C-alpha atoms as a PDB file:
ATOM      1  CA  MET A   1       5.483 -13.943   1.803  1.00  0.00           C
ATOM      2  CA  THR A   2       6.083 -11.609  -1.138  1.00  0.00           C
ATOM      3  CA  GLU A   3       9.167  -9.433  -1.441  1.00  0.00           C
ATOM      4  CA  ASP A   4       6.948  -6.338  -1.367  1.00  0.00           C
ATOM      5  CA  LEU A   5       5.449  -7.426   1.950  1.00  0.00           C
ATOM      6  CA  ARG A   6       8.865  -8.265   3.393  1.00  0.00           C
ATOM      7  CA  ALA A   7      10.102  -4.771   2.429  1.00  0.00           C
ATOM      8  CA  GLU A   8       6.985  -3.305   4.025  1.00  0.00           C
ATOM      9  CA  LEU A   9       7.664  -5.224   7.236  1.00  0.00           C
ATOM     10  CA  ARG A  10      11.145  -3.704   7.385  1.00  0.00           C
ATOM     11  CA  ARG A  11       9.617  -0.275   6.914  1.00  0.00           C
ATOM     12  CA  TYR A  12       7.192  -1.089   9.723  1.00  0.00           C
ATOM     13  CA  ALA A  13      10.033  -2.267  11.969  1.00  0.00           C
ATOM     14  CA  ALA A  14      11.954   0.975  11.422  1.00  0.00           C
ATOM     15  CA  TRP A  15       8.837   2.958  12.335  1.00  0.00           C
ATOM     16  CA  TYR A  16       8.153   0.729  15.359  1.00  0.00           C
ATOM     17  CA  TRP A  17      11.643   1.056  16.844  1.00  0.00           C
ATOM     18  CA  ASP A  18      11.631   4.819  16.249  1.00  0.00           C
ATOM     19  CA  GLN A  19       8.362   4.993  18.201  1.00  0.00           C
ATOM     20  CA  GLN A  20       9.799   2.939  21.058  1.00  0.00           C
ATOM     21  CA  ASP A  21      12.619   5.462  21.406  1.00  0.00           C
ATOM     22  CA  LEU A  22      10.148   8.313  21.916  1.00  0.00           C
ATOM     23  CA  PRO A  23       8.388   9.259  25.162  1.00  0.00           C
ATOM     24  CA  GLN A  24       4.928   7.687  25.443  1.00  0.00           C
ATOM     25  CA  GLU A  25       3.106  10.977  24.910  1.00  0.00           C
ATOM     26  CA  LEU A  26       4.909  11.640  21.597  1.00  0.00           C
ATOM     27  CA  ARG A  27       4.291   8.269  19.961  1.00  0.00           C
ATOM     28  CA  ASP A  28       2.186   7.924  16.828  1.00  0.00           C
ATOM     29  CA  PRO A  29      -0.511   5.305  17.594  1.00  0.00           C
ATOM     30  CA  ALA A  30      -0.916   4.013  14.036  1.00  0.00           C
ATOM     31  CA  PHE A  31       1.270   2.824  11.152  1.00  0.00           C
ATOM     32  CA  GLU A  32       0.022   3.424   7.628  1.00  0.00           C
ATOM     33  CA  TRP A  33       0.441   0.167   5.739  1.00  0.00           C
ATOM     34  CA  GLN A  34       1.141   0.531   2.029  1.00  0.00           C
ATOM     35  CA  VAL A  35       1.190  -3.253   1.563  1.00  0.00           C
ATOM     36  CA  GLN A  36      -1.408  -4.945   3.730  1.00  0.00           C
ATOM     37  CA  PRO A  37      -0.200  -7.879   5.861  1.00  0.00           C
ATOM     38  CA  PRO A  38      -2.294 -11.049   6.082  1.00  0.00           C
ATOM     39  CA  ALA A  39      -5.416 -10.841   8.209  1.00  0.00           C
ATOM     40  CA  GLY A  40      -5.731 -12.785  11.435  1.00  0.00           C
ATOM     41  CA  GLU A  41      -2.822 -14.369  13.235  1.00  0.00           C
ATOM     42  CA  PHE A  42       0.222 -12.518  11.971  1.00  0.00           C
ATOM     43  CA  ASN A  43       3.219 -11.104  13.795  1.00  0.00           C
ATOM     44  CA  PRO A  44       5.412  -8.722  11.758  1.00  0.00           C
ATOM     45  CA  PHE A  45       8.404  -9.910  13.817  1.00  0.00           C
ATOM     46  CA  GLY A  46       7.625 -13.616  13.351  1.00  0.00           C
ATOM     47  CA  GLU A  47      10.518 -14.464  11.019  1.00  0.00           C
ATOM     48  CA  ALA A  48      12.963 -12.616  13.261  1.00  0.00           C
ATOM     49  CA  LEU A  49      11.697 -14.402  16.380  1.00  0.00           C
ATOM     50  CA  THR A  50      12.098 -17.764  14.684  1.00  0.00           C
ATOM     51  CA  LEU A  51      15.636 -17.119  13.432  1.00  0.00           C
ATOM     52  CA  PHE A  52      16.903 -15.555  16.657  1.00  0.00           C
ATOM     53  CA  SER A  53      15.302 -18.287  18.774  1.00  0.00           C
ATOM     54  CA  ARG A  54      17.381 -20.739  16.764  1.00  0.00           C
ATOM     55  CA  ILE A  55      20.735 -19.004  16.872  1.00  0.00           C
ATOM     56  CA  TYR A  56      20.402 -18.024  20.556  1.00  0.00           C
ATOM     57  CA  SER A  57      18.931 -21.357  21.659  1.00  0.00           C
ATOM     58  CA  GLY A  58      21.977 -22.034  23.854  1.00  0.00           C
ATOM     59  CA  ARG A  59      20.947 -19.145  26.114  1.00  0.00           C
ATOM     60  CA  LEU A  60      17.262 -20.017  26.321  1.00  0.00           C
ATOM     61  CA  ARG A  61      15.142 -22.316  28.479  1.00  0.00           C
ATOM     62  CA  SER A  62      12.013 -22.309  26.355  1.00  0.00           C
ATOM     63  CA  LEU A  63      10.973 -25.780  27.540  1.00  0.00           C
ATOM     64  CA  ASP A  64      11.311 -25.107  31.256  1.00  0.00           C
ATOM     65  CA  PRO A  65       7.849 -25.964  32.662  1.00  0.00           C
ATOM     66  CA  VAL A  66       7.846 -23.420  35.470  1.00  0.00           C
ATOM     67  CA  THR A  67      10.314 -20.622  34.748  1.00  0.00           C
ATOM     68  CA  PRO A  68      10.837 -20.515  30.963  1.00  0.00           C
ATOM     69  CA  TYR A  69      13.457 -18.119  29.624  1.00  0.00           C
ATOM     70  CA  THR A  70      12.598 -17.312  26.021  1.00  0.00           C
ATOM     71  CA  LEU A  71      14.047 -15.059  23.364  1.00  0.00           C
ATOM     72  CA  LEU A  72      11.735 -12.275  24.535  1.00  0.00           C
ATOM     73  CA  ASN A  73      13.359 -12.418  27.969  1.00  0.00           C
ATOM     74  CA  LEU A  74      16.810 -12.350  26.386  1.00  0.00           C
ATOM     75  CA  LEU A  75      15.910  -9.343  24.231  1.00  0.00           C
ATOM     76  CA  ALA A  76      14.784  -7.493  27.343  1.00  0.00           C
ATOM     77  CA  ASP A  77      17.938  -8.420  29.294  1.00  0.00           C
ATOM     78  CA  ASP A  78      20.738  -8.095  26.728  1.00  0.00           C
ATOM     79  CA  PRO A  79      21.084  -4.762  24.862  1.00  0.00           C
ATOM     80  CA  GLN A  80      23.546  -6.290  22.373  1.00  0.00           C
ATOM     81  CA  VAL A  81      21.065  -8.975  21.327  1.00  0.00           C
ATOM     82  CA  MET A  82      18.303  -6.385  21.074  1.00  0.00           C
ATOM     83  CA  ALA A  83      20.474  -4.141  18.895  1.00  0.00           C
ATOM     84  CA  ARG A  84      21.210  -7.076  16.581  1.00  0.00           C
ATOM     85  CA  PHE A  85      17.494  -7.954  16.494  1.00  0.00           C
ATOM     86  CA  ARG A  86      16.557  -4.379  15.604  1.00  0.00           C
ATOM     87  CA  THR A  87      19.117  -4.321  12.786  1.00  0.00           C
ATOM     88  CA  TYR A  88      17.794  -7.588  11.379  1.00  0.00           C
ATOM     89  CA  THR A  89      14.156  -6.478  11.457  1.00  0.00           C
ATOM     90  CA  THR A  90      14.885  -3.165   9.727  1.00  0.00           C
ATOM     91  CA  THR A  91      17.490  -4.256   7.154  1.00  0.00           C
ATOM     92  CA  GLY A  92      17.568  -8.055   7.073  1.00  0.00           C
ATOM     93  CA  LEU A  93      21.269  -7.952   8.047  1.00  0.00           C
ATOM     94  CA  LEU A  94      22.646 -10.427  10.565  1.00  0.00           C
ATOM     95  CA  ASP A  95      26.377 -10.633  11.149  1.00  0.00           C
ATOM     96  CA  THR A  96      28.281 -12.791  13.629  1.00  0.00           C
ATOM     97  CA  THR A  97      31.926 -13.692  14.249  1.00  0.00           C
ATOM     98  CA  VAL A  98      33.753 -16.505  16.004  1.00  0.00           C
ATOM     99  CA  GLU A  99      33.753 -14.320  19.121  1.00  0.00           C
ATOM    100  CA  ASP A 100      29.999 -14.972  19.322  1.00  0.00           C
ATOM    101  CA  GLY A 101      30.687 -18.640  20.045  1.00  0.00           C
ATOM    102  CA  ASP A 102      27.759 -21.020  19.563  1.00  0.00           C
ATOM    103  CA  VAL A 103      25.627 -18.156  18.196  1.00  0.00           C
ATOM    104  CA  HIS A 104      28.043 -17.920  15.276  1.00  0.00           C
ATOM    105  CA  CYS A 105      27.927 -21.686  14.773  1.00  0.00           C
ATOM    106  CA  ARG A 106      24.136 -21.744  14.684  1.00  0.00           C
ATOM    107  CA  HIS A 107      24.139 -18.792  12.302  1.00  0.00           C
ATOM    108  CA  GLY A 108      26.304 -20.842   9.966  1.00  0.00           C
ATOM    109  CA  GLU A 109      24.027 -23.880  10.314  1.00  0.00           C
ATOM    110  CA  ALA A 110      20.990 -21.766   9.436  1.00  0.00           C
ATOM    111  CA  LEU A 111      22.825 -20.352   6.415  1.00  0.00           C
ATOM    112  CA  VAL A 112      23.610 -23.849   5.147  1.00  0.00           C
ATOM    113  CA  GLU A 113      19.980 -24.921   5.596  1.00  0.00           C
ATOM    114  CA  ALA A 114      18.782 -21.918   3.613  1.00  0.00           C
ATOM    115  CA  LEU A 115      21.309 -22.564   0.830  1.00  0.00           C
ATOM    116  CA  LEU A 116      20.228 -26.191   0.548  1.00  0.00           C
ATOM    117  CA  ALA A 117      16.514 -25.391   0.543  1.00  0.00           C
ATOM    118  CA  PRO A 118      14.820 -25.467  -2.892  1.00  0.00           C
ATOM    119  CA  ALA A 119      14.098 -22.098  -4.464  1.00  0.00           C
ATOM    120  CA  SER A 120      10.381 -22.853  -4.243  1.00  0.00           C
ATOM    121  CA  ASP A 121      10.496 -23.351  -0.468  1.00  0.00           C
ATOM    122  CA  PRO A 122       7.830 -20.981   0.973  1.00  0.00           C
ATOM    123  CA  VAL A 123       9.411 -20.936   4.433  1.00  0.00           C
ATOM    124  CA  MET A 124      13.196 -20.752   4.180  1.00  0.00           C
ATOM    125  CA  GLY A 125      15.147 -18.228   2.194  1.00  0.00           C
ATOM    126  CA  LEU A 126      18.203 -16.009   1.784  1.00  0.00           C
ATOM    127  CA  ASP A 127      18.838 -12.801  -0.155  1.00  0.00           C
ATOM    128  CA  ASP A 128      22.620 -12.520   0.159  1.00  0.00           C
ATOM    129  CA  ALA A 129      25.545 -13.751   2.234  1.00  0.00           C
ATOM    130  CA  LEU A 130      29.217 -12.976   2.785  1.00  0.00           C
ATOM    131  CA  VAL A 131      31.428 -15.509   4.554  1.00  0.00           C
ATOM    132  CA  SER A 132      35.053 -14.696   5.349  1.00  0.00           C
ATOM    133  CA  GLU A 133      37.915 -17.123   4.810  1.00  0.00           C
ATOM    134  CA  GLY A 134      37.679 -19.856   7.402  1.00  0.00           C
ATOM    135  CA  ALA A 135      34.147 -18.695   8.254  1.00  0.00           C
ATOM    136  CA  ALA A 136      35.524 -16.403  10.965  1.00  0.00           C
ATOM    137  CA  SER A 137      32.691 -14.000  10.168  1.00  0.00           C
ATOM    138  CA  ILE A 138      29.327 -14.492   8.521  1.00  0.00           C
ATOM    139  CA  ALA A 139      27.036 -11.744   7.245  1.00  0.00           C
ATOM    140  CA  THR A 140      23.636 -12.619   5.803  1.00  0.00           C
ATOM    141  CA  VAL A 141      20.812 -10.512   4.425  1.00  0.00           C
ATOM    142  CA  GLY A 142      17.274 -11.839   4.443  1.00  0.00           C
ATOM    143  CA  LEU A 143      18.126 -15.146   6.099  1.00  0.00           C
ATOM    144  CA  ARG A 144      14.853 -16.702   7.243  1.00  0.00           C
ATOM    145  CA  LEU A 145      13.662 -20.013   8.597  1.00  0.00           C
ATOM    146  CA  GLY A 146       9.975 -19.160   8.445  1.00  0.00           C
ATOM    147  CA  VAL A 147       7.562 -18.739  11.304  1.00  0.00           C
ATOM    148  CA  MET A 148       7.235 -21.788  13.492  1.00  0.00           C
ATOM    149  CA  PRO A 149       4.953 -22.572  16.457  1.00  0.00           C
ATOM    150  CA  PRO A 150       6.307 -22.484  19.995  1.00  0.00           C
ATOM    151  CA  LEU A 151       8.765 -25.162  20.993  1.00  0.00           C
ATOM    152  CA  VAL A 152       7.255 -28.330  22.435  1.00  0.00           C
ATOM    153  CA  ASN A 153       8.864 -31.198  24.284  1.00  0.00           C
ATOM    154  CA  PRO A 154       9.669 -33.885  21.644  1.00  0.00           C
ATOM    155  CA  PHE A 155       9.949 -36.627  24.252  1.00  0.00           C
ATOM    156  CA  PRO A 156       6.840 -38.205  25.801  1.00  0.00           C
ATOM    157  CA  ASP A 157       6.506 -37.613  29.505  1.00  0.00           C
ATOM    158  CA  PRO A 158       6.573 -40.647  31.793  1.00  0.00           C
ATOM    159  CA  PRO A 159       3.338 -41.531  33.640  1.00  0.00           C
ATOM    160  CA  PRO A 160       2.967 -39.162  36.595  1.00  0.00           C
ATOM    161  CA  PRO A 161       3.251 -40.546  40.126  1.00  0.00           C
ATOM    162  CA  PRO A 162       0.165 -40.501  42.373  1.00  0.00           C
ATOM    163  CA  LEU A 163      -0.786 -37.005  43.484  1.00  0.00           C
ATOM    164  CA  PRO A 164      -0.251 -36.163  47.153  1.00  0.00           C
ATOM    165  CA  ASP A 165      -3.167 -35.074  49.324  1.00  0.00           C
ATOM    166  CA  LEU A 166      -3.900 -31.370  49.043  1.00  0.00           C
ATOM    167  CA  PRO A 167      -2.163 -29.663  51.983  1.00  0.00           C
ATOM    168  CA  ALA A 168      -4.357 -27.799  54.461  1.00  0.00           C
ATOM    169  CA  GLU A 169      -2.543 -24.510  53.794  1.00  0.00           C
ATOM    170  CA  ILE A 170      -3.281 -24.806  50.060  1.00  0.00           C
ATOM    171  CA  GLN A 171      -6.948 -25.443  50.856  1.00  0.00           C
ATOM    172  CA  ASP A 172      -6.927 -22.299  53.024  1.00  0.00           C
ATOM    173  CA  ALA A 173      -5.292 -20.299  50.236  1.00  0.00           C
ATOM    174  CA  ASP A 174      -7.831 -21.615  47.725  1.00  0.00           C
ATOM    175  CA  ARG A 175     -10.719 -20.456  49.920  1.00  0.00           C
ATOM    176  CA  ALA A 176      -9.128 -17.021  50.350  1.00  0.00           C
ATOM    177  CA  MET A 177      -8.560 -16.742  46.585  1.00  0.00           C
ATOM    178  CA  LYS A 178     -12.210 -17.564  45.868  1.00  0.00           C
ATOM    179  CA  GLU A 179     -13.274 -14.814  48.272  1.00  0.00           C
ATOM    180  CA  ALA A 180     -10.933 -12.360  46.526  1.00  0.00           C
ATOM    181  CA  GLU A 181     -12.153 -13.409  43.088  1.00  0.00           C
ATOM    182  CA  GLU A 182     -15.736 -12.690  44.120  1.00  0.00           C
ATOM    183  CA  ILE A 183     -14.723  -9.213  45.331  1.00  0.00           C
ATOM    184  CA  PHE A 184     -12.909  -8.644  42.035  1.00  0.00           C
ATOM    185  CA  ARG A 185     -15.872  -9.789  39.920  1.00  0.00           C
ATOM    186  CA  ARG A 186     -18.342  -7.505  41.732  1.00  0.00           C
ATOM    187  CA  TRP A 187     -15.930  -4.584  41.339  1.00  0.00           C
ATOM    188  CA  LEU A 188     -15.322  -5.326  37.662  1.00  0.00           C
ATOM    189  CA  GLU A 189     -19.021  -5.497  36.832  1.00  0.00           C
ATOM    190  CA  ALA A 190     -19.636  -2.173  38.562  1.00  0.00           C
ATOM    191  CA  LEU A 191     -16.688  -0.596  36.765  1.00  0.00           C
ATOM    192  CA  ARG A 192     -17.845  -1.849  33.367  1.00  0.00           C
ATOM    193  CA  GLN A 193     -21.171  -0.110  33.809  1.00  0.00           C
ATOM    194  CA  ARG A 194     -19.337   3.222  33.936  1.00  0.00           C
ATOM    195  CA  HIS A 195     -16.426   2.675  31.535  1.00  0.00           C
ATOM    196  CA  PHE A 196     -17.081   0.979  28.203  1.00  0.00           C
ATOM    197  CA  CYS A 197     -13.461   0.526  27.181  1.00  0.00           C
ATOM    198  CA  LEU A 198     -12.521  -2.340  29.497  1.00  0.00           C
ATOM    199  CA  TYR A 199     -11.275  -5.310  27.476  1.00  0.00           C
ATOM    200  CA  GLN A 200     -11.651  -3.400  24.220  1.00  0.00           C
ATOM    201  CA  TYR A 201      -8.453  -3.542  22.175  1.00  0.00           C
ATOM    202  CA  ASP A 202      -9.235  -0.510  20.028  1.00  0.00           C
ATOM    203  CA  GLN A 203     -11.296   1.586  22.447  1.00  0.00           C
ATOM    204  CA  TRP A 204     -10.091   4.619  24.358  1.00  0.00           C
ATOM    205  CA  TRP A 205     -11.003   6.710  27.370  1.00  0.00           C
ATOM    206  CA  ASP A 206     -12.376  10.178  26.604  1.00  0.00           C
ATOM    207  CA  ASP A 207      -8.952  11.712  27.229  1.00  0.00           C
ATOM    208  CA  GLY A 208      -7.208   9.419  24.734  1.00  0.00           C
ATOM    209  CA  VAL A 209      -5.768   6.914  27.224  1.00  0.00           C
ATOM    210  CA  SER A 210      -5.911   3.333  25.991  1.00  0.00           C
ATOM    211  CA  GLY A 211      -8.478   1.065  27.614  1.00  0.00           C
ATOM    212  CA  PHE A 212      -7.449  -1.843  29.812  1.00  0.00           C
ATOM    213  CA  ASP A 213      -7.100  -5.106  27.946  1.00  0.00           C
ATOM    214  CA  CYS A 214      -6.672  -8.698  29.057  1.00  0.00           C
ATOM    215  CA  ASP A 215      -3.001  -8.653  30.123  1.00  0.00           C
ATOM    216  CA  ASP A 216      -3.652  -5.603  32.332  1.00  0.00           C
ATOM    217  CA  PHE A 217      -6.477  -7.338  34.142  1.00  0.00           C
ATOM    218  CA  ALA A 218      -4.545 -10.600  34.382  1.00  0.00           C
ATOM    219  CA  GLU A 219      -1.829  -8.682  36.226  1.00  0.00           C
ATOM    220  CA  PHE A 220      -4.369  -6.676  38.218  1.00  0.00           C
ATOM    221  CA  LEU A 221      -6.197  -9.784  39.488  1.00  0.00           C
ATOM    222  CA  GLY A 222      -2.957 -11.616  40.256  1.00  0.00           C
ATOM    223  CA  ARG A 223      -1.652  -8.797  42.439  1.00  0.00           C
ATOM    224  CA  PHE A 224      -4.980  -8.442  44.229  1.00  0.00           C
ATOM    225  CA  LEU A 225      -5.082 -12.188  44.958  1.00  0.00           C
ATOM    226  CA  ARG A 226      -1.582 -12.045  46.416  1.00  0.00           C
ATOM    227  CA  TRP A 227      -2.550  -9.125  48.664  1.00  0.00           C
ATOM    228  CA  HIS A 228      -5.783 -10.797  49.813  1.00  0.00           C
ATOM    229  CA  VAL A 229      -4.256 -14.234  50.510  1.00  0.00           C
ATOM    230  CA  GLN A 230      -1.417 -12.726  52.554  1.00  0.00           C
ATOM    231  CA  ARG A 231      -4.003 -11.079  54.801  1.00  0.00           C
ATOM    232  CA  HIS A 232      -6.637 -13.807  55.027  1.00  0.00           C
ATOM    233  CA  ALA A 233      -4.553 -16.987  54.870  1.00  0.00           C
ATOM    234  CA  PRO A 234      -1.415 -16.050  56.856  1.00  0.00           C
ATOM    235  CA  GLY A 235       1.596 -18.299  56.981  1.00  0.00           C
ATOM    236  CA  GLN A 236       1.520 -19.073  53.249  1.00  0.00           C
ATOM    237  CA  PRO A 237       4.502 -18.859  50.925  1.00  0.00           C
ATOM    238  CA  ILE A 238       4.369 -15.641  48.894  1.00  0.00           C
ATOM    239  CA  LEU A 239       1.885 -16.078  46.067  1.00  0.00           C
ATOM    240  CA  GLU A 240       3.511 -15.479  42.660  1.00  0.00           C
ATOM    241  CA  PRO A 241       1.207 -13.938  40.009  1.00  0.00           C
ATOM    242  CA  ARG A 242       2.115 -14.414  36.347  1.00  0.00           C
ATOM    243  CA  ILE A 243       0.449 -13.826  32.972  1.00  0.00           C
ATOM    244  CA  LEU A 244      -0.466 -16.860  30.871  1.00  0.00           C
ATOM    245  CA  GLN A 245      -1.192 -16.171  27.212  1.00  0.00           C
ATOM    246  CA  MET A 246      -3.221 -17.960  24.554  1.00  0.00           C
ATOM    247  CA  ARG A 247      -2.183 -17.468  20.934  1.00  0.00           C
ATOM    248  CA  LYS A 248      -1.257 -19.314  17.777  1.00  0.00           C
ATOM    249  CA  GLY A 249       2.511 -19.614  17.787  1.00  0.00           C
ATOM    250  CA  TYR A 250       4.074 -16.164  17.476  1.00  0.00           C
ATOM    251  CA  GLY A 251       0.724 -14.580  16.604  1.00  0.00           C
ATOM    252  CA  ILE A 252      -0.154 -11.285  18.250  1.00  0.00           C
ATOM    253  CA  SER A 253      -3.922 -11.694  18.683  1.00  0.00           C
ATOM    254  CA  GLY A 254      -5.068 -13.828  21.578  1.00  0.00           C
ATOM    255  CA  HIS A 255      -6.017 -13.659  25.229  1.00  0.00           C
ATOM    256  CA  ALA A 256      -4.185 -13.398  28.547  1.00  0.00           C
ATOM    257  CA  VAL A 257      -5.283 -14.868  31.871  1.00  0.00           C
ATOM    258  CA  THR A 258      -3.930 -15.008  35.410  1.00  0.00           C
ATOM    259  CA  LEU A 259      -1.541 -17.785  36.427  1.00  0.00           C
ATOM    260  CA  ILE A 260      -0.886 -18.188  40.150  1.00  0.00           C
ATOM    261  CA  PHE A 261       2.013 -20.161  41.635  1.00  0.00           C
ATOM    262  CA  LEU A 262       1.886 -20.905  45.361  1.00  0.00           C
ATOM    263  CA  GLY A 263       4.329 -23.415  46.779  1.00  0.00           C
ATOM    264  CA  ASP A 264       3.957 -26.647  44.798  1.00  0.00           C
ATOM    265  CA  TYR A 265       0.566 -25.678  43.317  1.00  0.00           C
ATOM    266  CA  TYR A 266      -0.883 -23.410  40.663  1.00  0.00           C
ATOM    267  CA  TRP A 267      -4.220 -21.976  39.513  1.00  0.00           C
ATOM    268  CA  ILE A 268      -5.412 -20.463  36.214  1.00  0.00           C
ATOM    269  CA  ILE A 269      -8.134 -17.801  36.359  1.00  0.00           C
ATOM    270  CA  ASP A 270      -9.703 -15.782  33.554  1.00  0.00           C
ATOM    271  CA  PRO A 271     -10.489 -12.301  34.941  1.00  0.00           C
ATOM    272  CA  ASN A 272     -12.851 -11.615  32.051  1.00  0.00           C
ATOM    273  CA  THR A 273     -15.224 -14.543  32.688  1.00  0.00           C
ATOM    274  CA  GLY A 274     -14.378 -15.796  36.177  1.00  0.00           C
ATOM    275  CA  LEU A 275     -13.469 -19.193  34.733  1.00  0.00           C
ATOM    276  CA  ARG A 276     -10.915 -20.906  37.017  1.00  0.00           C
ATOM    277  CA  ARG A 277      -8.988 -24.168  37.201  1.00  0.00           C
ATOM    278  CA  GLY A 278      -6.934 -25.461  40.106  1.00  0.00           C
ATOM    279  CA  PRO A 279      -5.267 -26.033  42.371  1.00  0.00           C
ATOM    280  CA  PHE A 280      -3.017 -28.313  40.320  1.00  0.00           C
ATOM    281  CA  HIS A 281       0.330 -29.722  41.356  1.00  0.00           C
ATOM    282  CA  ARG A 282       3.041 -27.515  39.908  1.00  0.00           C
ATOM    283  CA  TYR A 283       5.333 -30.362  38.864  1.00  0.00           C
ATOM    284  CA  LEU A 284       3.038 -33.398  38.536  1.00  0.00           C
ATOM    285  CA  GLU A 285       0.186 -31.729  36.601  1.00  0.00           C
ATOM    286  CA  TRP A 286       2.052 -29.468  34.180  1.00  0.00           C
ATOM    287  CA  PRO A 287       1.413 -28.263  31.521  1.00  0.00           C
ATOM    288  CA  PRO A 288      -2.287 -27.438  31.974  1.00  0.00           C
ATOM    289  CA  ASP A 289      -4.959 -28.141  29.389  1.00  0.00           C
ATOM    290  CA  ALA A 290      -5.320 -25.157  27.076  1.00  0.00           C
ATOM    291  CA  ASN A 291      -8.739 -26.138  25.766  1.00  0.00           C
ATOM    292  CA  PHE A 292     -10.769 -24.896  28.709  1.00  0.00           C
ATOM    293  CA  ILE A 293      -9.879 -21.317  27.742  1.00  0.00           C
ATOM    294  CA  ALA A 294      -9.282 -21.614  24.001  1.00  0.00           C
ATOM    295  CA  ASP A 295     -12.575 -23.373  23.274  1.00  0.00           C
ATOM    296  CA  ARG A 296     -14.515 -20.751  25.189  1.00  0.00           C
ATOM    297  CA  TYR A 297     -13.251 -17.911  23.005  1.00  0.00           C
ATOM    298  CA  TRP A 298     -12.280 -19.558  19.730  1.00  0.00           C
ATOM    299  CA  PRO A 299     -13.948 -23.000  19.341  1.00  0.00           C
ATOM    300  CA  GLY A 300     -12.003 -25.143  16.899  1.00  0.00           C
ATOM    301  CA  SER A 301      -9.405 -22.430  16.314  1.00  0.00           C
ATOM    302  CA  GLY A 302      -6.399 -24.457  17.402  1.00  0.00           C
ATOM    303  CA  TYR A 303      -5.311 -21.774  19.874  1.00  0.00           C
ATOM    304  CA  GLU A 304      -2.676 -23.001  22.287  1.00  0.00           C
ATOM    305  CA  PHE A 305      -0.412 -21.383  24.815  1.00  0.00           C
ATOM    306  CA  GLY A 306       1.527 -18.510  23.291  1.00  0.00           C
ATOM    307  CA  TYR A 307       5.203 -17.649  23.078  1.00  0.00           C
ATOM    308  CA  PRO A 308       6.282 -17.213  25.775  1.00  0.00           C
ATOM    309  CA  MET A 309       3.711 -19.384  27.530  1.00  0.00           C
ATOM    310  CA  HIS A 310       3.769 -17.243  30.671  1.00  0.00           C
ATOM    311  CA  TYR A 311       5.784 -14.389  32.109  1.00  0.00           C
ATOM    312  CA  PRO A 312       6.033 -12.242  35.268  1.00  0.00           C
ATOM    313  CA  ALA A 313       3.090  -9.988  36.025  1.00  0.00           C
ATOM    314  CA  ASP A 314       5.014  -6.724  35.609  1.00  0.00           C
ATOM    315  CA  TRP A 315       6.816  -7.736  32.388  1.00  0.00           C
ATOM    316  CA  ARG A 316       5.598  -7.609  28.768  1.00  0.00           C
ATOM    317  CA  PRO A 317       6.947  -8.849  25.398  1.00  0.00           C
ATOM    318  CA  PHE A 318       8.477  -5.933  23.522  1.00  0.00           C
ATOM    319  CA  TYR A 319       5.556  -5.743  21.073  1.00  0.00           C
ATOM    320  CA  GLU A 320       2.943  -5.398  23.856  1.00  0.00           C
ATOM    321  CA  ASP A 321       1.895  -2.131  25.488  1.00  0.00           C
ATOM    322  CA  ALA A 322       3.530  -1.319  28.810  1.00  0.00           C
ATOM    323  CA  PRO A 323       1.659  -2.379  31.994  1.00  0.00           C
ATOM    324  CA  TRP A 324      -1.264  -0.132  32.910  1.00  0.00           C
ATOM    325  CA  HIS A 325       0.361   1.163  36.092  1.00  0.00           C
ATOM    326  CA  SER A 326       3.317   2.595  34.139  1.00  0.00           C
ATOM    327  CA  ASP A 327       0.966   5.235  32.692  1.00  0.00           C
ATOM    328  CA  PRO A 328       0.104   8.014  35.200  1.00  0.00           C
ATOM    329  CA  SER A 329      -3.200   8.648  33.402  1.00  0.00           C
ATOM    330  CA  GLN A 330      -4.236   5.031  33.903  1.00  0.00           C
ATOM    331  CA  ARG A 331      -3.364   5.165  37.587  1.00  0.00           C
ATOM    332  CA  GLU A 332      -5.465   8.317  37.959  1.00  0.00           C
ATOM    333  CA  ARG A 333      -8.366   6.528  36.284  1.00  0.00           C
ATOM    334  CA  ILE A 334      -8.298   3.188  38.062  1.00  0.00           C
ATOM    335  CA  LEU A 335      -6.960   3.664  41.585  1.00  0.00           C
ATOM    336  CA  PRO A 336      -9.799   5.972  42.762  1.00  0.00           C
ATOM    337  CA  GLU A 337     -12.237   3.292  41.554  1.00  0.00           C
ATOM    338  CA  LEU A 338     -10.980   0.632  43.982  1.00  0.00           C
ATOM    339  CA  PRO A 339     -13.580  -0.687  46.458  1.00  0.00           C
ATOM    340  CA  PRO A 340     -13.575   0.677  50.026  1.00  0.00           C
ATOM    341  CA  GLY A 341     -10.908  -0.926  52.160  1.00  0.00           C
ATOM    342  CA  ILE A 342      -8.774  -1.954  49.158  1.00  0.00           C
ATOM    343  CA  PRO A 343      -5.594   0.182  49.136  1.00  0.00           C
ATOM    344  CA  PRO A 344      -3.658   1.035  45.945  1.00  0.00           C
ATOM    345  CA  ASP A 345      -0.692  -1.107  46.995  1.00  0.00           C
ATOM    346  CA  SER A 346      -2.932  -4.178  46.646  1.00  0.00           C
ATOM    347  CA  VAL A 347      -2.713  -3.911  42.837  1.00  0.00           C
ATOM    348  CA  LEU A 348       0.586  -2.055  42.285  1.00  0.00           C
ATOM    349  CA  PRO A 349       4.135  -3.467  42.061  1.00  0.00           C
END
């Protein structure tokens, strides 16, 4: 990455955070790039995500197979970490003290790695650093470890034990979910005939409201499945809808699908195509195979599960748009379109 592009990314970050501090109706929808970033899979916050994932690794559970807790979760939960992240993305400055504990230690380790890296290293780098006597405080500018793919388990998994028979209640839930998916698909096809902007990233309704994209429909389908199963397969544990994303590492472009947890089992369903897999055992058949979705959209692309791999239905990474139901204009558009007998609370938090 050139110095001009890195300076442009800091200018972009300053604009982005300023926009986030404004009410939705006052935000400027476009940033005017003076230095064009690379085409394709590129996240302007990639270097920051990599560095902060390293220094805050003691507070993360990125490898947890069922309930991962990634840096994006931490940024949403801890205002102090978010403030530090915003400062780094706009200025390159990162400062820690011994009071930060293991975060300070990992900051120092990253500084040493950058100092020892050859000047020609295209990934690691450092612009400036100030270390107090005894390393009680460390301030770095432009410290970077590059952009790495999501964390993977470095240890091979042992052979899985034999799978148990599929419980009758899971079979009942699976039948109810298939019924709900068919209702959803018929509704979606009818809706698409009237509104062109569904699943279009850069398309808008006539009144300027952004069209639904894949994460909105992944959430929408997940909530509808939960509502339907509770009514047509009673006695089940509460179905947990989540959003599963396909990307390259920290890349922004990709696709989101519906992930359903129910008891010890899970399903993956693509609302856009109706493609589904499951039920799989939540602990004995995890992680799922990414290829059945990735190869359908991007054959040979190398797309894998994104970062984070999955997250709660009503939550979004900070660089994603807010959920559709947080926008009153979207609610006014979509809720009257629901099929007869399907109440609004079937798809709302």
